[in-house]
Amino acid sequence: MKILATILLITGLTIAQEAAPKDWSSWAKWAEQIYPITDDQGHGPDVGSDEWANALAKRLGIIDAASHGPDLKSDEWRVAVEKKIKPQEQRELLSAHETTARFTGLKEHTCMGRTSLCPYRCGESGKLATFDIIEYIKYDKPGEYGDPKQERFQILIEDNQKNLRVPAGIHAVILGLKPGDTVHMKWNHDYVTRGGSKSPERVITLLEKKEK
């Protein structure tokens, strides 16, 4: 079957999909990415400070105006915040790809979007991994608008703030690859409904280096 021309795919896990970090500083940066307290110029309380945490809790309704609620920054407080900022989602599989691919390397990608957060605070600039598809092992397209077979697959593995855009295990495998390495790779093209918004996402579900 003829493989269609290259289509650039720059995507991965949304920040809200990622597992919340355990470390407080990392957790605060993660929460700020999903639900910003500072404005697009970076004005506002220092991320992770008591002032920032108090503002976040009040905006989300975790505590009231008199500061009644879970103790600030406690495990109970963090769980309450996470429930508010991680919306429920529904996924529809549009196409599934299982391939043998060749890793061609990592490069820095700059988002060309025009939102007030672009290019440095939108989460879409960062380290981009590129794979050239050698062959398809399996391909399925249950959705009308699923991606056709690809010649190249590209994915943002972390943004310019070092937040992961792929699962930690996938990220580790990619960082361990060298240009020219061959991999067994699966990814899905999904249509995701989350928090009232709908958008396509392409997520790597399996990545294994093939021994020569």
N, C-alpha and C. Protein backbone atom coordinates (compact mmCIF):
# COMPACT_ATOMS: atom_id res chain seq x y z
N MET A 1 0.85 -1.19 0.00
CA MET A 1 0.00 0.00 0.00
C MET A 1 0.88 1.24 0.00
N LYS A 2 0.54 2.21 -0.79
CA LYS A 2 1.35 3.41 -0.90
C LYS A 2 1.28 4.24 0.38
N ILE A 3 2.43 4.65 0.86
CA ILE A 3 2.48 5.49 2.05
C ILE A 3 2.38 6.95 1.64
N LEU A 4 1.50 7.69 2.30
CA LEU A 4 1.25 9.07 1.93
C LEU A 4 2.40 9.96 2.35
N ALA A 5 2.39 11.18 1.82
CA ALA A 5 3.47 12.14 2.08
C ALA A 5 3.54 12.50 3.56
N THR A 6 4.69 12.99 3.94
CA THR A 6 4.96 13.34 5.33
C THR A 6 3.97 14.38 5.83
N ILE A 7 3.45 14.14 7.04
CA ILE A 7 2.62 15.11 7.73
C ILE A 7 3.26 15.36 9.09
N LEU A 8 3.52 16.61 9.40
CA LEU A 8 4.18 16.96 10.65
C LEU A 8 3.22 16.79 11.82
N LEU A 9 3.65 16.07 12.83
CA LEU A 9 2.83 15.86 14.01
C LEU A 9 3.60 16.37 15.22
N ILE A 10 3.15 17.46 15.80
CA ILE A 10 3.79 18.01 16.98
C ILE A 10 2.78 17.95 18.10
N THR A 11 2.88 16.95 18.94
CA THR A 11 1.88 16.74 19.97
C THR A 11 2.42 15.82 21.03
N GLY A 12 1.56 15.37 21.91
CA GLY A 12 1.94 14.49 23.00
C GLY A 12 0.94 14.60 24.12
N LEU A 13 1.30 14.18 25.31
CA LEU A 13 0.41 14.33 26.45
C LEU A 13 0.19 15.80 26.75
N THR A 14 -1.05 16.19 27.00
CA THR A 14 -1.29 17.52 27.51
C THR A 14 -0.81 17.57 28.95
N ILE A 15 -0.52 18.76 29.41
CA ILE A 15 -0.02 18.91 30.78
C ILE A 15 -1.00 18.32 31.77
N ALA A 16 -2.32 18.53 31.52
CA ALA A 16 -3.33 18.05 32.46
C ALA A 16 -3.35 16.53 32.54
N GLN A 17 -2.89 15.83 31.49
CA GLN A 17 -2.88 14.38 31.50
C GLN A 17 -1.74 13.80 32.33
N GLU A 18 -0.69 14.57 32.52
CA GLU A 18 0.49 14.05 33.18
C GLU A 18 0.20 13.75 34.65
N ALA A 19 0.90 12.77 35.19
CA ALA A 19 0.80 12.50 36.62
C ALA A 19 1.37 13.68 37.38
N ALA A 20 0.68 14.11 38.43
CA ALA A 20 1.14 15.25 39.21
C ALA A 20 2.47 14.93 39.88
N PRO A 21 3.48 15.80 39.77
CA PRO A 21 4.77 15.55 40.41
C PRO A 21 4.62 15.47 41.93
N LYS A 22 5.53 14.76 42.58
CA LYS A 22 5.52 14.63 44.04
C LYS A 22 6.20 15.81 44.71
N ASP A 23 7.33 16.24 44.16
CA ASP A 23 8.08 17.36 44.71
C ASP A 23 7.25 18.65 44.64
N TRP A 24 7.23 19.43 45.73
CA TRP A 24 6.37 20.60 45.77
C TRP A 24 6.69 21.62 44.68
N SER A 25 7.97 21.93 44.49
CA SER A 25 8.35 22.91 43.49
C SER A 25 7.90 22.48 42.10
N SER A 26 8.11 21.21 41.77
CA SER A 26 7.69 20.69 40.47
C SER A 26 6.17 20.67 40.36
N TRP A 27 5.52 20.31 41.46
CA TRP A 27 4.06 20.28 41.48
C TRP A 27 3.48 21.67 41.22
N ALA A 28 4.06 22.68 41.87
CA ALA A 28 3.56 24.04 41.71
C ALA A 28 3.71 24.52 40.26
N LYS A 29 4.85 24.21 39.64
CA LYS A 29 5.05 24.59 38.23
C LYS A 29 4.04 23.87 37.34
N TRP A 30 3.78 22.59 37.65
CA TRP A 30 2.81 21.80 36.89
C TRP A 30 1.42 22.42 37.01
N ALA A 31 1.01 22.78 38.23
CA ALA A 31 -0.30 23.37 38.44
C ALA A 31 -0.41 24.74 37.76
N GLU A 32 0.66 25.51 37.79
CA GLU A 32 0.66 26.84 37.17
C GLU A 32 0.50 26.73 35.66
N GLN A 33 1.09 25.69 35.06
CA GLN A 33 0.94 25.48 33.62
C GLN A 33 -0.52 25.22 33.25
N ILE A 34 -1.21 24.46 34.08
CA ILE A 34 -2.60 24.11 33.78
C ILE A 34 -3.55 25.25 34.13
N TYR A 35 -3.31 25.88 35.28
CA TYR A 35 -4.22 26.91 35.78
C TYR A 35 -3.38 28.10 36.24
N PRO A 36 -2.98 28.97 35.31
CA PRO A 36 -2.06 30.07 35.65
C PRO A 36 -2.64 31.05 36.65
N ILE A 37 -1.83 31.41 37.62
CA ILE A 37 -2.16 32.47 38.56
C ILE A 37 -1.47 33.75 38.13
N THR A 38 -0.26 33.65 37.58
CA THR A 38 0.43 34.81 37.04
C THR A 38 -0.15 35.15 35.67
N ASP A 39 0.04 36.41 35.23
CA ASP A 39 -0.46 36.78 33.92
C ASP A 39 0.55 36.42 32.84
N ASP A 40 0.22 36.75 31.58
CA ASP A 40 1.10 36.32 30.49
C ASP A 40 2.43 37.07 30.46
N GLN A 41 2.59 38.08 31.32
CA GLN A 41 3.87 38.77 31.45
C GLN A 41 4.67 38.27 32.66
N GLY A 42 4.11 37.26 33.35
CA GLY A 42 4.80 36.71 34.51
C GLY A 42 4.56 37.48 35.79
N HIS A 43 3.59 38.44 35.77
CA HIS A 43 3.31 39.23 36.96
C HIS A 43 2.41 38.45 37.91
N GLY A 44 2.74 38.48 39.19
CA GLY A 44 1.94 37.77 40.17
C GLY A 44 2.84 37.19 41.24
N PRO A 45 2.26 36.45 42.19
CA PRO A 45 3.08 35.87 43.27
C PRO A 45 4.04 34.83 42.73
N ASP A 46 5.14 34.63 43.43
CA ASP A 46 6.12 33.61 43.03
C ASP A 46 5.46 32.24 43.06
N VAL A 47 5.62 31.49 41.98
CA VAL A 47 5.01 30.17 41.88
C VAL A 47 5.55 29.27 42.99
N GLY A 48 4.63 28.68 43.75
CA GLY A 48 5.01 27.80 44.84
C GLY A 48 5.01 28.47 46.20
N SER A 49 4.93 29.81 46.21
CA SER A 49 4.92 30.53 47.48
C SER A 49 3.56 30.37 48.17
N ASP A 50 3.50 30.72 49.46
CA ASP A 50 2.23 30.66 50.19
C ASP A 50 1.21 31.60 49.55
N GLU A 51 1.66 32.77 49.10
CA GLU A 51 0.76 33.72 48.45
C GLU A 51 0.17 33.13 47.18
N TRP A 52 1.02 32.46 46.41
CA TRP A 52 0.55 31.81 45.17
C TRP A 52 -0.44 30.69 45.48
N ALA A 53 -0.10 29.85 46.46
CA ALA A 53 -0.98 28.73 46.82
C ALA A 53 -2.31 29.23 47.34
N ASN A 54 -2.29 30.30 48.13
CA ASN A 54 -3.53 30.87 48.67
C ASN A 54 -4.40 31.41 47.54
N ALA A 55 -3.78 32.10 46.56
CA ALA A 55 -4.53 32.65 45.43
C ALA A 55 -5.14 31.52 44.59
N LEU A 56 -4.36 30.47 44.36
CA LEU A 56 -4.86 29.33 43.59
C LEU A 56 -6.06 28.69 44.28
N ALA A 57 -5.93 28.47 45.59
CA ALA A 57 -7.01 27.82 46.34
C ALA A 57 -8.28 28.65 46.33
N LYS A 58 -8.15 29.96 46.46
CA LYS A 58 -9.33 30.83 46.46
C LYS A 58 -10.01 30.85 45.10
N ARG A 59 -9.22 30.92 44.04
CA ARG A 59 -9.81 30.94 42.69
C ARG A 59 -10.55 29.65 42.39
N LEU A 60 -10.02 28.53 42.90
CA LEU A 60 -10.63 27.23 42.64
C LEU A 60 -11.75 26.90 43.63
N GLY A 61 -11.89 27.71 44.68
CA GLY A 61 -12.91 27.45 45.68
C GLY A 61 -12.52 26.37 46.67
N ILE A 62 -11.20 26.10 46.77
CA ILE A 62 -10.73 25.11 47.74
C ILE A 62 -10.85 25.65 49.16
N ILE A 63 -10.61 26.95 49.30
CA ILE A 63 -10.81 27.63 50.58
C ILE A 63 -11.73 28.82 50.33
N ASP A 64 -12.41 29.27 51.38
CA ASP A 64 -13.30 30.41 51.23
C ASP A 64 -12.57 31.70 51.55
N ALA A 65 -13.31 32.81 51.57
CA ALA A 65 -12.70 34.11 51.80
C ALA A 65 -12.03 34.21 53.15
N ALA A 66 -12.51 33.41 54.10
CA ALA A 66 -11.92 33.41 55.44
C ALA A 66 -10.81 32.37 55.58
N SER A 67 -10.42 31.76 54.45
CA SER A 67 -9.36 30.75 54.40
C SER A 67 -9.72 29.46 55.12
N HIS A 68 -11.02 29.15 55.18
CA HIS A 68 -11.46 27.88 55.74
C HIS A 68 -11.34 26.80 54.67
N GLY A 69 -10.73 25.68 55.01
CA GLY A 69 -10.56 24.59 54.07
C GLY A 69 -9.34 23.77 54.46
N PRO A 70 -8.87 22.90 53.57
CA PRO A 70 -7.69 22.08 53.88
C PRO A 70 -6.48 22.97 54.17
N ASP A 71 -5.57 22.48 55.01
CA ASP A 71 -4.35 23.22 55.30
C ASP A 71 -3.58 23.48 54.01
N LEU A 72 -3.14 24.72 53.85
CA LEU A 72 -2.44 25.13 52.64
C LEU A 72 -1.24 24.22 52.37
N LYS A 73 -1.17 23.71 51.16
CA LYS A 73 -0.07 22.88 50.66
C LYS A 73 -0.06 21.45 51.23
N SER A 74 -1.04 21.11 52.05
CA SER A 74 -1.11 19.75 52.59
C SER A 74 -1.48 18.77 51.49
N ASP A 75 -1.30 17.47 51.77
CA ASP A 75 -1.67 16.45 50.78
C ASP A 75 -3.15 16.56 50.43
N GLU A 76 -4.00 16.79 51.45
CA GLU A 76 -5.44 16.94 51.21
C GLU A 76 -5.71 18.13 50.31
N TRP A 77 -4.99 19.22 50.54
CA TRP A 77 -5.15 20.43 49.74
C TRP A 77 -4.74 20.18 48.29
N ARG A 78 -3.62 19.49 48.10
CA ARG A 78 -3.13 19.21 46.75
C ARG A 78 -4.11 18.32 45.98
N VAL A 79 -4.66 17.31 46.66
CA VAL A 79 -5.63 16.43 46.02
C VAL A 79 -6.86 17.22 45.58
N ALA A 80 -7.31 18.14 46.44
CA ALA A 80 -8.48 18.97 46.11
C ALA A 80 -8.21 19.85 44.90
N VAL A 81 -7.00 20.41 44.85
CA VAL A 81 -6.63 21.25 43.70
C VAL A 81 -6.59 20.41 42.43
N GLU A 82 -5.96 19.23 42.50
CA GLU A 82 -5.83 18.38 41.32
C GLU A 82 -7.19 17.98 40.75
N LYS A 83 -8.17 17.72 41.62
CA LYS A 83 -9.51 17.35 41.16
C LYS A 83 -10.16 18.50 40.40
N LYS A 84 -9.81 19.72 40.78
CA LYS A 84 -10.38 20.90 40.12
C LYS A 84 -9.74 21.19 38.77
N ILE A 85 -8.41 20.99 38.68
CA ILE A 85 -7.70 21.42 37.47
C ILE A 85 -7.48 20.30 36.47
N LYS A 86 -7.74 19.04 36.84
CA LYS A 86 -7.60 17.94 35.89
C LYS A 86 -8.99 17.50 35.43
N PRO A 87 -9.47 18.05 34.34
CA PRO A 87 -10.83 17.77 33.89
C PRO A 87 -11.01 16.33 33.43
N GLN A 88 -12.25 15.84 33.54
CA GLN A 88 -12.59 14.53 33.01
C GLN A 88 -12.47 14.55 31.49
N GLU A 89 -12.12 13.41 30.92
CA GLU A 89 -11.96 13.38 29.48
C GLU A 89 -12.59 12.14 28.87
N GLN A 90 -12.92 12.26 27.61
CA GLN A 90 -13.39 11.14 26.80
C GLN A 90 -12.53 11.08 25.56
N ARG A 91 -12.16 9.84 25.16
CA ARG A 91 -11.29 9.66 24.00
C ARG A 91 -11.97 8.79 22.96
N GLU A 92 -11.87 9.25 21.71
CA GLU A 92 -12.35 8.47 20.57
C GLU A 92 -11.13 8.14 19.69
N LEU A 93 -10.88 6.87 19.46
CA LEU A 93 -9.75 6.47 18.62
C LEU A 93 -10.08 6.73 17.16
N LEU A 94 -9.25 7.55 16.52
CA LEU A 94 -9.43 7.84 15.09
C LEU A 94 -8.54 6.95 14.23
N SER A 95 -7.31 6.72 14.67
CA SER A 95 -6.43 5.80 13.95
C SER A 95 -5.35 5.29 14.89
N ALA A 96 -4.90 4.05 14.63
CA ALA A 96 -3.85 3.42 15.44
C ALA A 96 -2.72 2.99 14.52
N HIS A 97 -1.49 3.30 14.92
CA HIS A 97 -0.32 3.05 14.09
C HIS A 97 0.69 2.20 14.84
N GLU A 98 1.13 1.12 14.23
CA GLU A 98 2.20 0.31 14.78
C GLU A 98 3.27 0.19 13.70
N THR A 99 4.49 0.63 14.02
CA THR A 99 5.52 0.77 12.99
C THR A 99 6.90 0.33 13.47
N THR A 100 7.76 0.12 12.49
CA THR A 100 9.19 0.10 12.71
C THR A 100 9.70 1.44 12.19
N ALA A 101 10.46 2.14 13.02
CA ALA A 101 10.88 3.49 12.65
C ALA A 101 12.34 3.72 13.00
N ARG A 102 12.92 4.75 12.38
CA ARG A 102 14.32 5.12 12.64
C ARG A 102 14.35 6.49 13.32
N PHE A 103 14.98 6.55 14.48
CA PHE A 103 15.11 7.81 15.20
C PHE A 103 16.14 8.69 14.49
N THR A 104 15.75 9.94 14.18
CA THR A 104 16.67 10.83 13.47
C THR A 104 17.24 11.91 14.37
N GLY A 105 16.69 12.07 15.58
CA GLY A 105 17.30 13.01 16.51
C GLY A 105 16.32 13.94 17.19
N LEU A 106 16.88 14.81 18.05
CA LEU A 106 16.13 15.81 18.80
C LEU A 106 16.51 17.20 18.31
N LYS A 107 15.58 18.12 18.35
CA LYS A 107 15.87 19.50 18.03
C LYS A 107 14.94 20.41 18.82
N GLU A 108 15.36 21.66 18.96
CA GLU A 108 14.53 22.62 19.66
C GLU A 108 13.47 23.17 18.71
N HIS A 109 12.23 23.15 19.16
CA HIS A 109 11.11 23.63 18.36
C HIS A 109 10.52 24.87 19.01
N THR A 110 10.22 25.89 18.21
CA THR A 110 9.58 27.11 18.70
C THR A 110 8.18 27.21 18.13
N CYS A 111 7.20 27.33 19.00
CA CYS A 111 5.80 27.43 18.58
C CYS A 111 5.60 28.70 17.75
N MET A 112 4.85 28.58 16.67
CA MET A 112 4.56 29.73 15.81
C MET A 112 3.14 30.24 16.01
N GLY A 113 2.52 29.83 17.13
CA GLY A 113 1.16 30.29 17.41
C GLY A 113 1.12 31.77 17.72
N ARG A 114 -0.10 32.30 17.78
CA ARG A 114 -0.27 33.73 17.97
C ARG A 114 -1.06 34.07 19.24
N THR A 115 -1.12 33.14 20.19
CA THR A 115 -1.80 33.45 21.44
C THR A 115 -0.89 34.31 22.32
N SER A 116 -1.46 34.87 23.37
CA SER A 116 -0.67 35.74 24.26
C SER A 116 0.42 34.97 25.00
N LEU A 117 0.28 33.64 25.07
CA LEU A 117 1.26 32.82 25.77
C LEU A 117 2.37 32.31 24.85
N CYS A 118 2.20 32.44 23.54
CA CYS A 118 3.18 31.93 22.59
C CYS A 118 4.37 32.89 22.50
N PRO A 119 5.58 32.40 22.28
CA PRO A 119 5.92 30.98 22.11
C PRO A 119 6.45 30.31 23.38
N TYR A 120 6.63 31.07 24.47
CA TYR A 120 7.39 30.52 25.60
C TYR A 120 6.56 30.04 26.78
N ARG A 121 5.27 30.39 26.84
CA ARG A 121 4.45 29.98 27.97
C ARG A 121 3.24 29.15 27.55
N CYS A 122 3.19 28.79 26.27
CA CYS A 122 2.03 28.04 25.77
C CYS A 122 2.19 26.53 25.95
N GLY A 123 3.41 26.09 26.23
CA GLY A 123 3.67 24.66 26.38
C GLY A 123 3.94 23.93 25.09
N GLU A 124 3.98 24.66 23.96
CA GLU A 124 4.15 24.01 22.66
C GLU A 124 5.53 24.26 22.06
N SER A 125 6.42 24.90 22.80
CA SER A 125 7.82 25.05 22.37
C SER A 125 8.67 24.15 23.24
N GLY A 126 9.69 23.56 22.66
CA GLY A 126 10.54 22.69 23.45
C GLY A 126 11.30 21.69 22.62
N LYS A 127 11.55 20.50 23.19
CA LYS A 127 12.39 19.48 22.56
C LYS A 127 11.53 18.56 21.70
N LEU A 128 11.84 18.50 20.41
CA LEU A 128 11.07 17.74 19.43
C LEU A 128 11.85 16.51 18.98
N ALA A 129 11.21 15.35 19.05
CA ALA A 129 11.82 14.10 18.58
C ALA A 129 11.24 13.74 17.21
N THR A 130 12.11 13.28 16.32
CA THR A 130 11.68 12.93 14.96
C THR A 130 12.02 11.47 14.65
N PHE A 131 11.05 10.77 14.04
CA PHE A 131 11.22 9.38 13.63
C PHE A 131 10.80 9.25 12.17
N ASP A 132 11.64 8.61 11.35
CA ASP A 132 11.26 8.27 9.98
C ASP A 132 10.69 6.86 9.99
N ILE A 133 9.53 6.69 9.38
CA ILE A 133 8.87 5.39 9.38
C ILE A 133 9.52 4.48 8.34
N ILE A 134 9.97 3.30 8.76
CA ILE A 134 10.57 2.32 7.87
C ILE A 134 9.49 1.44 7.26
N GLU A 135 8.61 0.93 8.11
CA GLU A 135 7.51 0.10 7.62
C GLU A 135 6.38 0.08 8.63
N TYR A 136 5.19 -0.22 8.14
CA TYR A 136 4.03 -0.39 9.00
C TYR A 136 3.86 -1.85 9.35
N ILE A 137 3.65 -2.13 10.64
CA ILE A 137 3.35 -3.48 11.10
C ILE A 137 1.85 -3.67 11.14
N LYS A 138 1.15 -2.64 11.59
CA LYS A 138 -0.30 -2.69 11.69
C LYS A 138 -0.86 -1.28 11.60
N TYR A 139 -2.02 -1.14 10.98
CA TYR A 139 -2.66 0.16 10.86
C TYR A 139 -4.17 -0.03 10.90
N ASP A 140 -4.82 0.79 11.69
CA ASP A 140 -6.27 0.70 11.81
C ASP A 140 -6.83 2.12 11.83
N LYS A 141 -7.95 2.33 11.15
CA LYS A 141 -8.55 3.66 11.07
C LYS A 141 -10.06 3.55 11.34
N PRO A 142 -10.44 3.46 12.63
CA PRO A 142 -11.86 3.34 12.94
C PRO A 142 -12.62 4.66 12.80
N GLY A 143 -11.89 5.79 12.85
CA GLY A 143 -12.54 7.09 12.74
C GLY A 143 -12.40 7.68 11.35
N GLU A 144 -13.42 8.37 10.90
CA GLU A 144 -13.41 8.94 9.54
C GLU A 144 -12.24 9.89 9.33
N TYR A 145 -11.87 10.62 10.36
CA TYR A 145 -10.84 11.64 10.21
C TYR A 145 -9.49 11.22 10.80
N GLY A 146 -9.29 9.92 10.93
CA GLY A 146 -8.01 9.43 11.44
C GLY A 146 -6.87 9.71 10.49
N ASP A 147 -5.67 9.88 11.05
CA ASP A 147 -4.49 10.11 10.22
C ASP A 147 -4.25 8.93 9.29
N PRO A 148 -3.86 9.20 8.04
CA PRO A 148 -3.43 8.12 7.15
C PRO A 148 -2.05 7.63 7.56
N LYS A 149 -1.55 6.63 6.87
CA LYS A 149 -0.19 6.17 7.15
C LYS A 149 0.80 7.31 6.91
N GLN A 150 1.84 7.33 7.75
CA GLN A 150 2.80 8.42 7.73
C GLN A 150 4.18 7.96 7.25
N GLU A 151 4.94 8.92 6.75
CA GLU A 151 6.34 8.67 6.44
C GLU A 151 7.24 9.18 7.56
N ARG A 152 6.71 10.08 8.37
CA ARG A 152 7.50 10.67 9.46
C ARG A 152 6.57 10.96 10.63
N PHE A 153 7.12 10.81 11.84
CA PHE A 153 6.36 11.12 13.04
C PHE A 153 7.22 12.01 13.93
N GLN A 154 6.65 13.14 14.36
CA GLN A 154 7.37 14.07 15.23
C GLN A 154 6.52 14.34 16.47
N ILE A 155 7.19 14.43 17.62
CA ILE A 155 6.45 14.64 18.85
C ILE A 155 7.26 15.48 19.83
N LEU A 156 6.58 16.41 20.49
CA LEU A 156 7.21 17.25 21.50
C LEU A 156 7.32 16.42 22.78
N ILE A 157 8.55 16.19 23.25
CA ILE A 157 8.71 15.32 24.42
C ILE A 157 8.81 16.12 25.72
N GLU A 158 9.18 17.39 25.64
CA GLU A 158 9.16 18.26 26.82
C GLU A 158 9.09 19.69 26.35
N ASP A 159 8.43 20.55 27.14
CA ASP A 159 8.35 21.95 26.72
C ASP A 159 9.59 22.71 27.19
N ASN A 160 9.63 23.99 26.90
CA ASN A 160 10.83 24.77 27.21
C ASN A 160 10.97 25.07 28.70
N GLN A 161 9.99 24.64 29.50
CA GLN A 161 10.10 24.74 30.96
C GLN A 161 10.47 23.39 31.57
N LYS A 162 10.83 22.43 30.70
CA LYS A 162 11.24 21.08 31.11
C LYS A 162 10.07 20.24 31.63
N ASN A 163 8.83 20.63 31.33
CA ASN A 163 7.68 19.81 31.68
C ASN A 163 7.51 18.71 30.63
N LEU A 164 7.33 17.47 31.05
CA LEU A 164 7.21 16.36 30.12
C LEU A 164 5.91 16.45 29.34
N ARG A 165 5.99 16.15 28.04
CA ARG A 165 4.81 16.11 27.19
C ARG A 165 4.50 14.69 26.74
N VAL A 166 5.27 13.74 27.20
CA VAL A 166 5.04 12.31 26.95
C VAL A 166 5.20 11.60 28.29
N PRO A 167 4.70 10.36 28.43
CA PRO A 167 4.89 9.63 29.68
C PRO A 167 6.37 9.51 30.02
N ALA A 168 6.67 9.47 31.32
CA ALA A 168 8.07 9.45 31.77
C ALA A 168 8.86 8.29 31.18
N GLY A 169 8.23 7.12 31.05
CA GLY A 169 8.92 5.97 30.49
C GLY A 169 9.29 6.18 29.03
N ILE A 170 8.38 6.76 28.25
CA ILE A 170 8.65 7.06 26.84
C ILE A 170 9.75 8.11 26.74
N HIS A 171 9.69 9.11 27.59
CA HIS A 171 10.70 10.18 27.60
C HIS A 171 12.08 9.60 27.84
N ALA A 172 12.20 8.67 28.79
CA ALA A 172 13.49 8.07 29.11
C ALA A 172 14.04 7.27 27.94
N VAL A 173 13.16 6.53 27.26
CA VAL A 173 13.59 5.75 26.10
C VAL A 173 14.12 6.67 25.00
N ILE A 174 13.41 7.74 24.73
CA ILE A 174 13.82 8.66 23.67
C ILE A 174 15.16 9.30 23.99
N LEU A 175 15.36 9.72 25.24
CA LEU A 175 16.64 10.33 25.61
C LEU A 175 17.80 9.34 25.50
N GLY A 176 17.49 8.04 25.57
CA GLY A 176 18.53 7.03 25.45
C GLY A 176 18.84 6.62 24.03
N LEU A 177 18.08 7.15 23.06
CA LEU A 177 18.29 6.80 21.66
C LEU A 177 19.38 7.65 21.02
N LYS A 178 20.02 7.09 19.99
CA LYS A 178 20.98 7.81 19.18
C LYS A 178 20.44 7.88 17.75
N PRO A 179 20.74 8.96 17.03
CA PRO A 179 20.29 9.04 15.63
C PRO A 179 20.69 7.78 14.87
N GLY A 180 19.74 7.21 14.16
CA GLY A 180 19.99 5.98 13.41
C GLY A 180 19.46 4.74 14.12
N ASP A 181 19.15 4.83 15.42
CA ASP A 181 18.58 3.69 16.14
C ASP A 181 17.21 3.34 15.57
N THR A 182 16.94 2.03 15.52
CA THR A 182 15.65 1.54 15.04
C THR A 182 14.76 1.19 16.23
N VAL A 183 13.47 1.54 16.12
CA VAL A 183 12.55 1.32 17.23
C VAL A 183 11.27 0.65 16.75
N HIS A 184 10.63 -0.02 17.68
CA HIS A 184 9.26 -0.51 17.49
C HIS A 184 8.38 0.52 18.18
N MET A 185 7.48 1.16 17.42
CA MET A 185 6.72 2.28 17.96
C MET A 185 5.24 2.16 17.61
N LYS A 186 4.40 2.41 18.62
CA LYS A 186 2.95 2.49 18.42
C LYS A 186 2.48 3.87 18.87
N TRP A 187 1.56 4.44 18.13
CA TRP A 187 0.92 5.67 18.59
C TRP A 187 -0.53 5.70 18.13
N ASN A 188 -1.34 6.43 18.89
CA ASN A 188 -2.75 6.60 18.56
C ASN A 188 -3.05 8.04 18.21
N HIS A 189 -3.94 8.20 17.24
CA HIS A 189 -4.50 9.51 16.94
C HIS A 189 -5.90 9.49 17.55
N ASP A 190 -6.09 10.27 18.61
CA ASP A 190 -7.35 10.32 19.35
C ASP A 190 -8.05 11.65 19.16
N TYR A 191 -9.37 11.64 19.35
CA TYR A 191 -10.14 12.87 19.43
C TYR A 191 -10.61 12.97 20.87
N VAL A 192 -10.17 14.01 21.57
CA VAL A 192 -10.35 14.08 23.01
C VAL A 192 -11.31 15.21 23.39
N THR A 193 -12.26 14.87 24.24
CA THR A 193 -13.15 15.86 24.84
C THR A 193 -12.74 16.00 26.29
N ARG A 194 -12.38 17.22 26.67
CA ARG A 194 -11.88 17.44 28.02
C ARG A 194 -12.29 18.83 28.49
N GLY A 195 -13.04 18.87 29.59
CA GLY A 195 -13.40 20.15 30.19
C GLY A 195 -14.16 21.06 29.24
N GLY A 196 -14.98 20.49 28.36
CA GLY A 196 -15.77 21.30 27.44
C GLY A 196 -15.06 21.62 26.13
N SER A 197 -13.76 21.32 26.03
CA SER A 197 -13.03 21.56 24.79
C SER A 197 -12.77 20.24 24.07
N LYS A 198 -12.62 20.32 22.75
CA LYS A 198 -12.38 19.13 21.94
C LYS A 198 -11.17 19.38 21.05
N SER A 199 -10.30 18.38 20.95
CA SER A 199 -9.10 18.55 20.13
C SER A 199 -8.49 17.19 19.81
N PRO A 200 -7.72 17.10 18.71
CA PRO A 200 -7.02 15.85 18.39
C PRO A 200 -5.74 15.75 19.20
N GLU A 201 -5.36 14.53 19.55
CA GLU A 201 -4.10 14.28 20.23
C GLU A 201 -3.48 13.02 19.66
N ARG A 202 -2.15 13.02 19.60
CA ARG A 202 -1.41 11.86 19.12
C ARG A 202 -0.44 11.44 20.21
N VAL A 203 -0.63 10.24 20.72
CA VAL A 203 0.09 9.80 21.91
C VAL A 203 0.82 8.49 21.65
N ILE A 204 2.11 8.46 21.95
CA ILE A 204 2.89 7.22 21.83
C ILE A 204 2.46 6.26 22.93
N THR A 205 2.09 5.05 22.57
CA THR A 205 1.68 4.06 23.56
C THR A 205 2.73 2.97 23.78
N LEU A 206 3.69 2.85 22.86
CA LEU A 206 4.77 1.87 23.00
C LEU A 206 5.99 2.37 22.23
N LEU A 207 7.16 2.28 22.87
CA LEU A 207 8.40 2.64 22.19
C LEU A 207 9.51 1.75 22.74
N GLU A 208 10.07 0.91 21.87
CA GLU A 208 11.12 -0.02 22.26
C GLU A 208 12.25 0.05 21.23
N LYS A 209 13.46 0.15 21.73
CA LYS A 209 14.62 0.11 20.84
C LYS A 209 14.83 -1.32 20.34
N LYS A 210 15.06 -1.46 19.04
CA LYS A 210 15.30 -2.76 18.44
C LYS A 210 16.81 -2.99 18.38
N GLU A 211 17.22 -4.13 18.89
CA GLU A 211 18.64 -4.45 18.86
C GLU A 211 19.06 -4.84 17.46
N LYS A 212 20.28 -4.46 17.09
CA LYS A 212 20.78 -4.76 15.74
C LYS A 212 21.23 -6.21 15.65
